[in-house]
Amino acid sequence: MAENFSKGKRGSVVKADPSKVRITIRLDADIIEHFKKRVHHLGGGNYQTFMNDALREYIGAHDKELENALRKIIREELKRAVLRPIDTDTTDQRLI
């Protein structure tokens, strides 16, 4: 018996997540293959979601590195400022 598609609709079967943006990007074939294999090895899923998660993890790790570097610099500068004697002869009186 033939299938009746007279009430069928064109387009995506699953609505796209509104927080996602469709882009076209050129990547090396081995990169794509790596993510596809990893997703398959982990039990299946969407390699694009896996790539998105990997990028998010990378960004988070580098943001943390930057935060730690800034905290270290600020601590060093504050320590230096606290230990430096104030020369009252050259201090701008407007700041006191």
PDB file of N, CA and C in Angstrom:
ATOM      1  N   MET A   1       0.848  -1.169   0.000  1.00  0.00           N
ATOM      2  CA  MET A   1       0.000   0.000   0.000  1.00  0.00           C
ATOM      3  C   MET A   1       0.896   1.235   0.000  1.00  0.00           C
ATOM      4  N   ALA A   2       0.550   2.207  -0.797  1.00  0.00           N
ATOM      5  CA  ALA A   2       1.332   3.436  -0.937  1.00  0.00           C
ATOM      6  C   ALA A   2       1.091   4.348   0.263  1.00  0.00           C
ATOM      7  N   GLU A   3       2.161   5.059   0.653  1.00  0.00           N
ATOM      8  CA  GLU A   3       2.064   6.021   1.761  1.00  0.00           C
ATOM      9  C   GLU A   3       1.354   7.280   1.279  1.00  0.00           C
ATOM     10  N   ASN A   4       0.563   7.899   2.128  1.00  0.00           N
ATOM     11  CA  ASN A   4      -0.139   9.129   1.795  1.00  0.00           C
ATOM     12  C   ASN A   4       0.581  10.290   2.468  1.00  0.00           C
ATOM     13  N   PHE A   5       1.231  11.114   1.658  1.00  0.00           N
ATOM     14  CA  PHE A   5       1.959  12.270   2.177  1.00  0.00           C
ATOM     15  C   PHE A   5       1.246  13.574   1.830  1.00  0.00           C
ATOM     16  N   SER A   6      -0.035  13.519   1.526  1.00  0.00           N
ATOM     17  CA  SER A   6      -0.764  14.712   1.098  1.00  0.00           C
ATOM     18  C   SER A   6      -0.826  15.787   2.185  1.00  0.00           C
ATOM     19  N   LYS A   7      -0.734  15.399   3.451  1.00  0.00           N
ATOM     20  CA  LYS A   7      -0.770  16.377   4.542  1.00  0.00           C
ATOM     21  C   LYS A   7       0.614  16.595   5.152  1.00  0.00           C
ATOM     22  N   GLY A   8       1.626  16.104   4.453  1.00  0.00           N
ATOM     23  CA  GLY A   8       2.998  16.264   4.932  1.00  0.00           C
ATOM     24  C   GLY A   8       3.457  17.712   4.834  1.00  0.00           C
ATOM     25  N   LYS A   9       4.412  18.068   5.654  1.00  0.00           N
ATOM     26  CA  LYS A   9       4.963  19.426   5.657  1.00  0.00           C
ATOM     27  C   LYS A   9       6.446  19.361   5.345  1.00  0.00           C
ATOM     28  N   ARG A  10       6.924  20.360   4.644  1.00  0.00           N
ATOM     29  CA  ARG A  10       8.346  20.458   4.348  1.00  0.00           C
ATOM     30  C   ARG A  10       9.063  21.109   5.522  1.00  0.00           C
ATOM     31  N   GLY A  11      10.340  20.846   5.605  1.00  0.00           N
ATOM     32  CA  GLY A  11      11.138  21.523   6.622  1.00  0.00           C
ATOM     33  C   GLY A  11      11.661  20.557   7.666  1.00  0.00           C
ATOM     34  N   SER A  12      12.231  21.139   8.691  1.00  0.00           N
ATOM     35  CA  SER A  12      12.842  20.356   9.759  1.00  0.00           C
ATOM     36  C   SER A  12      11.801  19.530  10.491  1.00  0.00           C
ATOM     37  N   VAL A  13      12.190  18.328  10.851  1.00  0.00           N
ATOM     38  CA  VAL A  13      11.316  17.476  11.653  1.00  0.00           C
ATOM     39  C   VAL A  13      11.319  17.985  13.086  1.00  0.00           C
ATOM     40  N   VAL A  14      12.504  18.366  13.561  1.00  0.00           N
ATOM     41  CA  VAL A  14      12.664  18.874  14.920  1.00  0.00           C
ATOM     42  C   VAL A  14      12.949  20.370  14.832  1.00  0.00           C
ATOM     43  N   LYS A  15      12.223  21.149  15.598  1.00  0.00           N
ATOM     44  CA  LYS A  15      12.457  22.594  15.619  1.00  0.00           C
ATOM     45  C   LYS A  15      13.843  22.881  16.174  1.00  0.00           C
ATOM     46  N   ALA A  16      14.526  23.822  15.543  1.00  0.00           N
ATOM     47  CA  ALA A  16      15.868  24.196  15.984  1.00  0.00           C
ATOM     48  C   ALA A  16      15.793  24.956  17.304  1.00  0.00           C
ATOM     49  N   ASP A  17      16.790  24.743  18.133  1.00  0.00           N
ATOM     50  CA  ASP A  17      16.902  25.459  19.407  1.00  0.00           C
ATOM     51  C   ASP A  17      17.102  26.945  19.102  1.00  0.00           C
ATOM     52  N   PRO A  18      16.239  27.830  19.605  1.00  0.00           N
ATOM     53  CA  PRO A  18      16.361  29.259  19.288  1.00  0.00           C
ATOM     54  C   PRO A  18      17.643  29.899  19.822  1.00  0.00           C
ATOM     55  N   SER A  19      18.319  29.249  20.763  1.00  0.00           N
ATOM     56  CA  SER A  19      19.568  29.817  21.282  1.00  0.00           C
ATOM     57  C   SER A  19      20.759  29.475  20.389  1.00  0.00           C
ATOM     58  N   LYS A  20      20.553  28.624  19.404  1.00  0.00           N
ATOM     59  CA  LYS A  20      21.622  28.210  18.490  1.00  0.00           C
ATOM     60  C   LYS A  20      21.571  29.056  17.222  1.00  0.00           C
ATOM     61  N   VAL A  21      22.735  29.252  16.619  1.00  0.00           N
ATOM     62  CA  VAL A  21      22.853  30.026  15.387  1.00  0.00           C
ATOM     63  C   VAL A  21      23.411  29.112  14.303  1.00  0.00           C
ATOM     64  N   ARG A  22      22.761  29.087  13.164  1.00  0.00           N
ATOM     65  CA  ARG A  22      23.242  28.272  12.043  1.00  0.00           C
ATOM     66  C   ARG A  22      24.355  29.042  11.333  1.00  0.00           C
ATOM     67  N   ILE A  23      25.497  28.366  11.153  1.00  0.00           N
ATOM     68  CA  ILE A  23      26.620  28.962  10.432  1.00  0.00           C
ATOM     69  C   ILE A  23      27.170  27.949   9.438  1.00  0.00           C
ATOM     70  N   THR A  24      27.979  28.442   8.521  1.00  0.00           N
ATOM     71  CA  THR A  24      28.741  27.578   7.634  1.00  0.00           C
ATOM     72  C   THR A  24      30.196  27.795   7.980  1.00  0.00           C
ATOM     73  N   ILE A  25      30.907  26.719   8.255  1.00  0.00           N
ATOM     74  CA  ILE A  25      32.302  26.815   8.667  1.00  0.00           C
ATOM     75  C   ILE A  25      33.079  25.692   7.989  1.00  0.00           C
ATOM     76  N   ARG A  26      34.279  25.987   7.572  1.00  0.00           N
ATOM     77  CA  ARG A  26      35.126  24.975   6.944  1.00  0.00           C
ATOM     78  C   ARG A  26      36.145  24.492   7.966  1.00  0.00           C
ATOM     79  N   LEU A  27      36.118  23.196   8.223  1.00  0.00           N
ATOM     80  CA  LEU A  27      37.051  22.576   9.157  1.00  0.00           C
ATOM     81  C   LEU A  27      37.770  21.441   8.447  1.00  0.00           C
ATOM     82  N   ASP A  28      38.936  21.096   8.949  1.00  0.00           N
ATOM     83  CA  ASP A  28      39.670  19.963   8.394  1.00  0.00           C
ATOM     84  C   ASP A  28      38.865  18.686   8.610  1.00  0.00           C
ATOM     85  N   ALA A  29      38.927  17.805   7.627  1.00  0.00           N
ATOM     86  CA  ALA A  29      38.163  16.557   7.680  1.00  0.00           C
ATOM     87  C   ALA A  29      38.520  15.726   8.904  1.00  0.00           C
ATOM     88  N   ASP A  30      39.802  15.730   9.296  1.00  0.00           N
ATOM     89  CA  ASP A  30      40.203  14.920  10.447  1.00  0.00           C
ATOM     90  C   ASP A  30      39.616  15.447  11.751  1.00  0.00           C
ATOM     91  N   ILE A  31      39.357  16.741  11.821  1.00  0.00           N
ATOM     92  CA  ILE A  31      38.727  17.331  13.013  1.00  0.00           C
ATOM     93  C   ILE A  31      37.286  16.829  13.131  1.00  0.00           C
ATOM     94  N   ILE A  32      36.558  16.908  12.032  1.00  0.00           N
ATOM     95  CA  ILE A  32      35.170  16.437  12.025  1.00  0.00           C
ATOM     96  C   ILE A  32      35.126  14.943  12.364  1.00  0.00           C
ATOM     97  N   GLU A  33      36.016  14.179  11.741  1.00  0.00           N
ATOM     98  CA  GLU A  33      36.050  12.735  11.982  1.00  0.00           C
ATOM     99  C   GLU A  33      36.345  12.428  13.447  1.00  0.00           C
ATOM    100  N   HIS A  34      37.250  13.200  14.045  1.00  0.00           N
ATOM    101  CA  HIS A  34      37.576  13.006  15.463  1.00  0.00           C
ATOM    102  C   HIS A  34      36.324  13.155  16.331  1.00  0.00           C
ATOM    103  N   PHE A  35      35.578  14.227  16.120  1.00  0.00           N
ATOM    104  CA  PHE A  35      34.387  14.467  16.939  1.00  0.00           C
ATOM    105  C   PHE A  35      33.301  13.423  16.674  1.00  0.00           C
ATOM    106  N   LYS A  36      33.145  13.008  15.434  1.00  0.00           N
ATOM    107  CA  LYS A  36      32.159  11.966  15.126  1.00  0.00           C
ATOM    108  C   LYS A  36      32.523  10.658  15.821  1.00  0.00           C
ATOM    109  N   LYS A  37      33.815  10.300  15.784  1.00  0.00           N
ATOM    110  CA  LYS A  37      34.257   9.064  16.445  1.00  0.00           C
ATOM    111  C   LYS A  37      34.077   9.152  17.957  1.00  0.00           C
ATOM    112  N   ARG A  38      34.404  10.299  18.547  1.00  0.00           N
ATOM    113  CA  ARG A  38      34.259  10.470  19.997  1.00  0.00           C
ATOM    114  C   ARG A  38      32.797  10.334  20.411  1.00  0.00           C
ATOM    115  N   VAL A  39      31.900  10.948  19.653  1.00  0.00           N
ATOM    116  CA  VAL A  39      30.472  10.855  19.969  1.00  0.00           C
ATOM    117  C   VAL A  39      30.019   9.398  19.861  1.00  0.00           C
ATOM    118  N   HIS A  40      30.454   8.717  18.818  1.00  0.00           N
ATOM    119  CA  HIS A  40      30.080   7.308  18.646  1.00  0.00           C
ATOM    120  C   HIS A  40      30.630   6.470  19.800  1.00  0.00           C
ATOM    121  N   HIS A  41      31.886   6.712  20.164  1.00  0.00           N
ATOM    122  CA  HIS A  41      32.530   5.978  21.260  1.00  0.00           C
ATOM    123  C   HIS A  41      31.803   6.207  22.593  1.00  0.00           C
ATOM    124  N   LEU A  42      31.256   7.407  22.770  1.00  0.00           N
ATOM    125  CA  LEU A  42      30.559   7.743  24.014  1.00  0.00           C
ATOM    126  C   LEU A  42      29.096   7.291  24.018  1.00  0.00           C
ATOM    127  N   GLY A  43      28.673   6.643  22.944  1.00  0.00           N
ATOM    128  CA  GLY A  43      27.318   6.098  22.942  1.00  0.00           C
ATOM    129  C   GLY A  43      26.353   6.792  22.013  1.00  0.00           C
ATOM    130  N   GLY A  44      26.852   7.671  21.180  1.00  0.00           N
ATOM    131  CA  GLY A  44      25.989   8.326  20.204  1.00  0.00           C
ATOM    132  C   GLY A  44      25.628   9.739  20.608  1.00  0.00           C
ATOM    133  N   GLY A  45      24.949  10.397  19.722  1.00  0.00           N
ATOM    134  CA  GLY A  45      24.567  11.783  19.944  1.00  0.00           C
ATOM    135  C   GLY A  45      24.919  12.614  18.728  1.00  0.00           C
ATOM    136  N   ASN A  46      24.992  13.888  18.926  1.00  0.00           N
ATOM    137  CA  ASN A  46      25.247  14.832  17.850  1.00  0.00           C
ATOM    138  C   ASN A  46      26.675  15.359  17.962  1.00  0.00           C
ATOM    139  N   TYR A  47      27.471  15.151  16.923  1.00  0.00           N
ATOM    140  CA  TYR A  47      28.858  15.609  16.984  1.00  0.00           C
ATOM    141  C   TYR A  47      28.952  17.130  17.048  1.00  0.00           C
ATOM    142  N   GLN A  48      27.976  17.830  16.484  1.00  0.00           N
ATOM    143  CA  GLN A  48      28.005  19.289  16.536  1.00  0.00           C
ATOM    144  C   GLN A  48      27.797  19.781  17.966  1.00  0.00           C
ATOM    145  N   THR A  49      26.914  19.138  18.694  1.00  0.00           N
ATOM    146  CA  THR A  49      26.718  19.480  20.103  1.00  0.00           C
ATOM    147  C   THR A  49      27.984  19.182  20.888  1.00  0.00           C
ATOM    148  N   PHE A  50      28.634  18.074  20.558  1.00  0.00           N
ATOM    149  CA  PHE A  50      29.885  17.710  21.222  1.00  0.00           C
ATOM    150  C   PHE A  50      30.963  18.762  20.943  1.00  0.00           C
ATOM    151  N   MET A  51      31.032  19.248  19.700  1.00  0.00           N
ATOM    152  CA  MET A  51      31.992  20.307  19.349  1.00  0.00           C
ATOM    153  C   MET A  51      31.664  21.586  20.118  1.00  0.00           C
ATOM    154  N   ASN A  52      30.392  21.914  20.219  1.00  0.00           N
ATOM    155  CA  ASN A  52      29.961  23.100  20.954  1.00  0.00           C
ATOM    156  C   ASN A  52      30.388  23.001  22.417  1.00  0.00           C
ATOM    157  N   ASP A  53      30.183  21.828  23.006  1.00  0.00           N
ATOM    158  CA  ASP A  53      30.575  21.610  24.401  1.00  0.00           C
ATOM    159  C   ASP A  53      32.088  21.733  24.576  1.00  0.00           C
ATOM    160  N   ALA A  54      32.854  21.200  23.606  1.00  0.00           N
ATOM    161  CA  ALA A  54      34.317  21.283  23.673  1.00  0.00           C
ATOM    162  C   ALA A  54      34.779  22.738  23.584  1.00  0.00           C
ATOM    163  N   LEU A  55      34.164  23.516  22.718  1.00  0.00           N
ATOM    164  CA  LEU A  55      34.509  24.941  22.603  1.00  0.00           C
ATOM    165  C   LEU A  55      34.149  25.698  23.876  1.00  0.00           C
ATOM    166  N   ARG A  56      33.001  25.393  24.442  1.00  0.00           N
ATOM    167  CA  ARG A  56      32.579  26.048  25.686  1.00  0.00           C
ATOM    168  C   ARG A  56      33.547  25.716  26.822  1.00  0.00           C
ATOM    169  N   GLU A  57      33.984  24.465  26.893  1.00  0.00           N
ATOM    170  CA  GLU A  57      34.948  24.050  27.920  1.00  0.00           C
ATOM    171  C   GLU A  57      36.285  24.774  27.729  1.00  0.00           C
ATOM    172  N   TYR A  58      36.722  24.896  26.481  1.00  0.00           N
ATOM    173  CA  TYR A  58      37.970  25.602  26.169  1.00  0.00           C
ATOM    174  C   TYR A  58      37.884  27.061  26.616  1.00  0.00           C
ATOM    175  N   ILE A  59      36.785  27.712  26.279  1.00  0.00           N
ATOM    176  CA  ILE A  59      36.599  29.118  26.654  1.00  0.00           C
ATOM    177  C   ILE A  59      36.590  29.263  28.169  1.00  0.00           C
ATOM    178  N   GLY A  60      35.867  28.388  28.853  1.00  0.00           N
ATOM    179  CA  GLY A  60      35.794  28.443  30.312  1.00  0.00           C
ATOM    180  C   GLY A  60      37.155  28.282  30.953  1.00  0.00           C
ATOM    181  N   ALA A  61      37.953  27.356  30.437  1.00  0.00           N
ATOM    182  CA  ALA A  61      39.292  27.120  30.992  1.00  0.00           C
ATOM    183  C   ALA A  61      40.184  28.332  30.784  1.00  0.00           C
ATOM    184  N   HIS A  62      40.096  28.950  29.604  1.00  0.00           N
ATOM    185  CA  HIS A  62      40.941  30.111  29.338  1.00  0.00           C
ATOM    186  C   HIS A  62      40.463  31.347  30.086  1.00  0.00           C
ATOM    187  N   ASP A  63      39.161  31.470  30.287  1.00  0.00           N
ATOM    188  CA  ASP A  63      38.653  32.570  31.110  1.00  0.00           C
ATOM    189  C   ASP A  63      39.172  32.436  32.535  1.00  0.00           C
ATOM    190  N   LYS A  64      39.212  31.213  33.046  1.00  0.00           N
ATOM    191  CA  LYS A  64      39.701  30.968  34.405  1.00  0.00           C
ATOM    192  C   LYS A  64      41.189  31.294  34.495  1.00  0.00           C
ATOM    193  N   GLU A  65      41.963  30.943  33.459  1.00  0.00           N
ATOM    194  CA  GLU A  65      43.390  31.273  33.439  1.00  0.00           C
ATOM    195  C   GLU A  65      43.583  32.785  33.489  1.00  0.00           C
ATOM    196  N   LEU A  66      42.801  33.514  32.705  1.00  0.00           N
ATOM    197  CA  LEU A  66      42.895  34.973  32.689  1.00  0.00           C
ATOM    198  C   LEU A  66      42.515  35.538  34.051  1.00  0.00           C
ATOM    199  N   GLU A  67      41.442  35.028  34.633  1.00  0.00           N
ATOM    200  CA  GLU A  67      41.014  35.488  35.955  1.00  0.00           C
ATOM    201  C   GLU A  67      42.111  35.253  36.989  1.00  0.00           C
ATOM    202  N   ASN A  68      42.718  34.080  36.970  1.00  0.00           N
ATOM    203  CA  ASN A  68      43.790  33.774  37.926  1.00  0.00           C
ATOM    204  C   ASN A  68      44.993  34.686  37.726  1.00  0.00           C
ATOM    205  N   ALA A  69      45.348  34.963  36.475  1.00  0.00           N
ATOM    206  CA  ALA A  69      46.476  35.854  36.190  1.00  0.00           C
ATOM    207  C   ALA A  69      46.184  37.264  36.697  1.00  0.00           C
ATOM    208  N   LEU A  70      44.975  37.746  36.460  1.00  0.00           N
ATOM    209  CA  LEU A  70      44.606  39.083  36.932  1.00  0.00           C
ATOM    210  C   LEU A  70      44.606  39.156  38.453  1.00  0.00           C
ATOM    211  N   ARG A  71      44.094  38.129  39.102  1.00  0.00           N
ATOM    212  CA  ARG A  71      44.098  38.105  40.570  1.00  0.00           C
ATOM    213  C   ARG A  71      45.524  38.149  41.113  1.00  0.00           C
ATOM    214  N   LYS A  72      46.433  37.414  40.489  1.00  0.00           N
ATOM    215  CA  LYS A  72      47.829  37.389  40.925  1.00  0.00           C
ATOM    216  C   LYS A  72      48.455  38.775  40.782  1.00  0.00           C
ATOM    217  N   ILE A  73      48.232  39.416  39.650  1.00  0.00           N
ATOM    218  CA  ILE A  73      48.786  40.754  39.412  1.00  0.00           C
ATOM    219  C   ILE A  73      48.226  41.749  40.414  1.00  0.00           C
ATOM    220  N   ILE A  74      46.925  41.701  40.648  1.00  0.00           N
ATOM    221  CA  ILE A  74      46.300  42.632  41.597  1.00  0.00           C
ATOM    222  C   ILE A  74      46.844  42.421  42.998  1.00  0.00           C
ATOM    223  N   ARG A  75      46.988  41.159  43.417  1.00  0.00           N
ATOM    224  CA  ARG A  75      47.559  40.881  44.743  1.00  0.00           C
ATOM    225  C   ARG A  75      48.973  41.443  44.858  1.00  0.00           C
ATOM    226  N   GLU A  76      49.790  41.239  43.822  1.00  0.00           N
ATOM    227  CA  GLU A  76      51.164  41.736  43.849  1.00  0.00           C
ATOM    228  C   GLU A  76      51.198  43.260  43.921  1.00  0.00           C
ATOM    229  N   GLU A  77      50.349  43.911  43.149  1.00  0.00           N
ATOM    230  CA  GLU A  77      50.314  45.376  43.142  1.00  0.00           C
ATOM    231  C   GLU A  77      49.811  45.922  44.474  1.00  0.00           C
ATOM    232  N   LEU A  78      48.792  45.290  45.037  1.00  0.00           N
ATOM    233  CA  LEU A  78      48.285  45.741  46.338  1.00  0.00           C
ATOM    234  C   LEU A  78      49.341  45.557  47.422  1.00  0.00           C
ATOM    235  N   LYS A  79      50.028  44.444  47.386  1.00  0.00           N
ATOM    236  CA  LYS A  79      51.086  44.184  48.366  1.00  0.00           C
ATOM    237  C   LYS A  79      52.182  45.234  48.240  1.00  0.00           C
ATOM    238  N   ARG A  80      52.572  45.534  47.014  1.00  0.00           N
ATOM    239  CA  ARG A  80      53.601  46.540  46.764  1.00  0.00           C
ATOM    240  C   ARG A  80      53.135  47.918  47.249  1.00  0.00           C
ATOM    241  N   ALA A  81      51.874  48.242  47.015  1.00  0.00           N
ATOM    242  CA  ALA A  81      51.345  49.546  47.424  1.00  0.00           C
ATOM    243  C   ALA A  81      51.289  49.663  48.942  1.00  0.00           C
ATOM    244  N   VAL A  82      50.938  48.595  49.634  1.00  0.00           N
ATOM    245  CA  VAL A  82      50.844  48.611  51.095  1.00  0.00           C
ATOM    246  C   VAL A  82      52.232  48.721  51.720  1.00  0.00           C
ATOM    247  N   LEU A  83      53.207  48.070  51.130  1.00  0.00           N
ATOM    248  CA  LEU A  83      54.561  48.065  51.690  1.00  0.00           C
ATOM    249  C   LEU A  83      55.353  49.327  51.365  1.00  0.00           C
ATOM    250  N   ARG A  84      54.920  50.087  50.357  1.00  0.00           N
ATOM    251  CA  ARG A  84      55.645  51.287  49.945  1.00  0.00           C
ATOM    252  C   ARG A  84      55.335  52.430  50.914  1.00  0.00           C
ATOM    253  N   PRO A  85      56.370  53.062  51.476  1.00  0.00           N
ATOM    254  CA  PRO A  85      56.120  54.199  52.378  1.00  0.00           C
ATOM    255  C   PRO A  85      55.568  55.388  51.596  1.00  0.00           C
ATOM    256  N   ILE A  86      54.717  56.132  52.237  1.00  0.00           N
ATOM    257  CA  ILE A  86      54.126  57.310  51.604  1.00  0.00           C
ATOM    258  C   ILE A  86      55.021  58.502  51.877  1.00  0.00           C
ATOM    259  N   ASP A  87      55.404  59.196  50.812  1.00  0.00           N
ATOM    260  CA  ASP A  87      56.225  60.402  50.928  1.00  0.00           C
ATOM    261  C   ASP A  87      55.262  61.580  51.064  1.00  0.00           C
ATOM    262  N   THR A  88      55.125  62.098  52.268  1.00  0.00           N
ATOM    263  CA  THR A  88      54.153  63.166  52.528  1.00  0.00           C
ATOM    264  C   THR A  88      54.551  64.478  51.886  1.00  0.00           C
ATOM    265  N   ASP A  89      55.825  64.649  51.532  1.00  0.00           N
ATOM    266  CA  ASP A  89      56.261  65.891  50.890  1.00  0.00           C
ATOM    267  C   ASP A  89      55.755  65.983  49.454  1.00  0.00           C
ATOM    268  N   THR A  90      55.572  64.854  48.783  1.00  0.00           N
ATOM    269  CA  THR A  90      55.167  64.882  47.374  1.00  0.00           C
ATOM    270  C   THR A  90      53.732  64.420  47.158  1.00  0.00           C
ATOM    271  N   THR A  91      53.040  64.057  48.221  1.00  0.00           N
ATOM    272  CA  THR A  91      51.665  63.578  48.077  1.00  0.00           C
ATOM    273  C   THR A  91      50.759  64.740  47.705  1.00  0.00           C
ATOM    274  N   ASP A  92      49.953  64.532  46.705  1.00  0.00           N
ATOM    275  CA  ASP A  92      48.993  65.542  46.276  1.00  0.00           C
ATOM    276  C   ASP A  92      47.922  65.654  47.361  1.00  0.00           C
ATOM    277  N   GLN A  93      47.783  66.806  47.969  1.00  0.00           N
ATOM    278  CA  GLN A  93      46.873  66.995  49.097  1.00  0.00           C
ATOM    279  C   GLN A  93      45.406  66.838  48.703  1.00  0.00           C
ATOM    280  N   ARG A  94      45.105  66.982  47.431  1.00  0.00           N
ATOM    281  CA  ARG A  94      43.716  66.815  47.001  1.00  0.00           C
ATOM    282  C   ARG A  94      43.255  65.368  47.139  1.00  0.00           C
ATOM    283  N   LEU A  95      44.175  64.421  47.147  1.00  0.00           N
ATOM    284  CA  LEU A  95      43.817  63.011  47.238  1.00  0.00           C
ATOM    285  C   LEU A  95      43.622  62.554  48.674  1.00  0.00           C
ATOM    286  N   ILE A  96      44.012  63.384  49.645  1.00  0.00           N
ATOM    287  CA  ILE A  96      43.920  62.991  51.053  1.00  0.00           C
ATOM    288  C   ILE A  96      42.558  63.333  51.602  1.00  0.00           C
TER     289      ILE A  96
END
